[in-house]
Amino acid sequence: MTAYMILIRDEPVRDAEAMAEYQRMNRENAAEFSAKLTPLVVYGAVEALEGPTPDGVLVLQFPTVEDAKAWYDSPAYQAALPYRRQAADYRAMIVQGLS
């Protein structure tokens, strides 16, 4: 069953160098998961209808929840994650799609 990883950045990036390192590390490791990861939304314009407007939203599609968890828990992503956390505050979640 399709799964979506949603990352919501609530505030602007506070450490551009850390964000650049996070992005670099993800690009270098993208091939490992490229067949199982499809970006659907990458920081497009956001219009909040209810609640505060986030600074940015990222939506990634995976074939299954297990694939999404495998990507998030992978050694490569876990090595990059501290840079993202240093760069900005995010909320991250996996949402199960419809079958």
C-alpha atoms as a PDB file:
ATOM      1  CA  MET A   1       0.000   0.000   0.000  1.00  0.00           C
ATOM      2  CA  THR A   2       1.404   3.391  -0.997  1.00  0.00           C
ATOM      3  CA  ALA A   3       2.846   5.550   1.782  1.00  0.00           C
ATOM      4  CA  TYR A   4       3.726   9.211   1.931  1.00  0.00           C
ATOM      5  CA  MET A   5       6.397  10.861   4.022  1.00  0.00           C
ATOM      6  CA  ILE A   6       5.457  14.438   4.807  1.00  0.00           C
ATOM      7  CA  LEU A   7       8.025  16.876   6.145  1.00  0.00           C
ATOM      8  CA  ILE A   8       6.767  20.269   7.284  1.00  0.00           C
ATOM      9  CA  ARG A   9       9.219  23.076   7.999  1.00  0.00           C
ATOM     10  CA  ASP A  10       7.540  25.504  10.353  1.00  0.00           C
ATOM     11  CA  GLU A  11      10.146  28.296  10.374  1.00  0.00           C
ATOM     12  CA  PRO A  12      12.723  29.544   7.859  1.00  0.00           C
ATOM     13  CA  VAL A  13      16.100  27.808   7.706  1.00  0.00           C
ATOM     14  CA  ARG A  14      18.342  29.153  10.479  1.00  0.00           C
ATOM     15  CA  ASP A  15      21.601  27.486   9.371  1.00  0.00           C
ATOM     16  CA  ALA A  16      22.079  27.527   5.598  1.00  0.00           C
ATOM     17  CA  GLU A  17      25.416  25.696   5.760  1.00  0.00           C
ATOM     18  CA  ALA A  18      23.915  22.797   7.704  1.00  0.00           C
ATOM     19  CA  MET A  19      20.994  22.626   5.259  1.00  0.00           C
ATOM     20  CA  ALA A  20      23.391  22.584   2.299  1.00  0.00           C
ATOM     21  CA  GLU A  21      25.307  19.691   3.887  1.00  0.00           C
ATOM     22  CA  TYR A  22      22.056  17.782   4.538  1.00  0.00           C
ATOM     23  CA  GLN A  23      20.996  18.251   0.909  1.00  0.00           C
ATOM     24  CA  ARG A  24      24.438  17.258  -0.400  1.00  0.00           C
ATOM     25  CA  MET A  25      24.426  14.064   1.641  1.00  0.00           C
ATOM     26  CA  ASN A  26      20.932  13.166   0.419  1.00  0.00           C
ATOM     27  CA  ARG A  27      21.909  13.725  -3.222  1.00  0.00           C
ATOM     28  CA  GLU A  28      24.944  11.471  -2.810  1.00  0.00           C
ATOM     29  CA  ASN A  29      22.826   8.684  -1.330  1.00  0.00           C
ATOM     30  CA  ALA A  30      19.777   9.073  -3.577  1.00  0.00           C
ATOM     31  CA  ALA A  31      20.648   6.169  -5.883  1.00  0.00           C
ATOM     32  CA  GLU A  32      20.150   3.641  -3.084  1.00  0.00           C
ATOM     33  CA  PHE A  33      16.454   4.512  -2.783  1.00  0.00           C
ATOM     34  CA  SER A  34      15.662   6.191  -6.111  1.00  0.00           C
ATOM     35  CA  ALA A  35      13.511   3.272  -7.294  1.00  0.00           C
ATOM     36  CA  LYS A  36      11.387   3.495  -4.142  1.00  0.00           C
ATOM     37  CA  LEU A  37      11.187   7.239  -3.540  1.00  0.00           C
ATOM     38  CA  THR A  38       9.153   9.656  -5.657  1.00  0.00           C
ATOM     39  CA  PRO A  39       9.135  13.353  -4.717  1.00  0.00           C
ATOM     40  CA  LEU A  40       5.614  14.748  -5.186  1.00  0.00           C
ATOM     41  CA  VAL A  41       5.920  18.133  -3.480  1.00  0.00           C
ATOM     42  CA  VAL A  42       9.231  19.945  -3.008  1.00  0.00           C
ATOM     43  CA  TYR A  43       8.753  23.294  -1.270  1.00  0.00           C
ATOM     44  CA  GLY A  44       6.085  24.635  -3.626  1.00  0.00           C
ATOM     45  CA  ALA A  45       3.953  27.651  -2.779  1.00  0.00           C
ATOM     46  CA  VAL A  46       1.790  27.043   0.297  1.00  0.00           C
ATOM     47  CA  GLU A  47      -1.581  28.634   1.006  1.00  0.00           C
ATOM     48  CA  ALA A  48      -2.822  27.756   4.487  1.00  0.00           C
ATOM     49  CA  LEU A  49      -6.570  27.388   4.766  1.00  0.00           C
ATOM     50  CA  GLU A  50      -6.520  26.623   8.495  1.00  0.00           C
ATOM     51  CA  GLY A  51      -3.725  27.083  11.013  1.00  0.00           C
ATOM     52  CA  PRO A  52      -0.375  28.769  10.494  1.00  0.00           C
ATOM     53  CA  THR A  53       1.297  28.702   7.092  1.00  0.00           C
ATOM     54  CA  PRO A  54       4.390  26.488   7.159  1.00  0.00           C
ATOM     55  CA  ASP A  55       7.627  27.773   5.669  1.00  0.00           C
ATOM     56  CA  GLY A  56       7.917  24.686   3.469  1.00  0.00           C
ATOM     57  CA  VAL A  57       6.418  21.269   2.750  1.00  0.00           C
ATOM     58  CA  LEU A  58       7.998  18.177   1.227  1.00  0.00           C
ATOM     59  CA  VAL A  59       5.955  15.083   0.239  1.00  0.00           C
ATOM     60  CA  LEU A  60       7.698  11.872  -0.793  1.00  0.00           C
ATOM     61  CA  GLN A  61       5.865   8.824  -2.121  1.00  0.00           C
ATOM     62  CA  PHE A  62       6.998   5.273  -1.356  1.00  0.00           C
ATOM     63  CA  PRO A  63       5.548   1.923  -2.461  1.00  0.00           C
ATOM     64  CA  THR A  64       4.929   0.884   1.175  1.00  0.00           C
ATOM     65  CA  VAL A  65       5.182   2.134   4.745  1.00  0.00           C
ATOM     66  CA  GLU A  66       8.063  -0.299   5.193  1.00  0.00           C
ATOM     67  CA  ASP A  67       9.957   1.328   2.301  1.00  0.00           C
ATOM     68  CA  ALA A  68       9.414   4.785   3.825  1.00  0.00           C
ATOM     69  CA  LYS A  69      10.674   3.580   7.211  1.00  0.00           C
ATOM     70  CA  ALA A  70      13.637   1.842   5.576  1.00  0.00           C
ATOM     71  CA  TRP A  71      14.644   5.113   3.889  1.00  0.00           C
ATOM     72  CA  TYR A  72      14.254   7.147   7.085  1.00  0.00           C
ATOM     73  CA  ASP A  73      16.065   4.565   9.217  1.00  0.00           C
ATOM     74  CA  SER A  74      18.850   3.936   6.681  1.00  0.00           C
ATOM     75  CA  PRO A  75      22.404   4.660   7.861  1.00  0.00           C
ATOM     76  CA  ALA A  76      22.831   7.199   5.048  1.00  0.00           C
ATOM     77  CA  TYR A  77      19.740   9.223   6.000  1.00  0.00           C
ATOM     78  CA  GLN A  78      20.447   8.962   9.716  1.00  0.00           C
ATOM     79  CA  ALA A  79      23.929  10.400   9.043  1.00  0.00           C
ATOM     80  CA  ALA A  80      22.365  13.395   7.232  1.00  0.00           C
ATOM     81  CA  LEU A  81      19.516  13.948   9.703  1.00  0.00           C
ATOM     82  CA  PRO A  82      21.511  15.866  12.359  1.00  0.00           C
ATOM     83  CA  TYR A  83      22.300  18.522   9.733  1.00  0.00           C
ATOM     84  CA  ARG A  84      18.604  18.964   8.936  1.00  0.00           C
ATOM     85  CA  ARG A  85      17.787  19.246  12.625  1.00  0.00           C
ATOM     86  CA  GLN A  86      20.542  21.836  13.059  1.00  0.00           C
ATOM     87  CA  ALA A  87      19.326  23.779  10.026  1.00  0.00           C
ATOM     88  CA  ALA A  88      15.602  24.046  10.786  1.00  0.00           C
ATOM     89  CA  ASP A  89      12.691  22.671  12.804  1.00  0.00           C
ATOM     90  CA  TYR A  90      10.577  20.120  10.963  1.00  0.00           C
ATOM     91  CA  ARG A  91       7.666  17.838  11.653  1.00  0.00           C
ATOM     92  CA  ALA A  92       8.020  14.489   9.869  1.00  0.00           C
ATOM     93  CA  MET A  93       5.366  11.804   9.449  1.00  0.00           C
ATOM     94  CA  ILE A  94       4.515   8.757   7.377  1.00  0.00           C
ATOM     95  CA  VAL A  95       0.932   8.522   6.146  1.00  0.00           C
ATOM     96  CA  GLN A  96      -0.492   5.325   4.729  1.00  0.00           C
ATOM     97  CA  GLY A  97      -2.206   5.855   1.378  1.00  0.00           C
ATOM     98  CA  LEU A  98      -5.227   4.138  -0.125  1.00  0.00           C
ATOM     99  CA  SER A  99      -4.826   0.716  -1.654  1.00  0.00           C
END
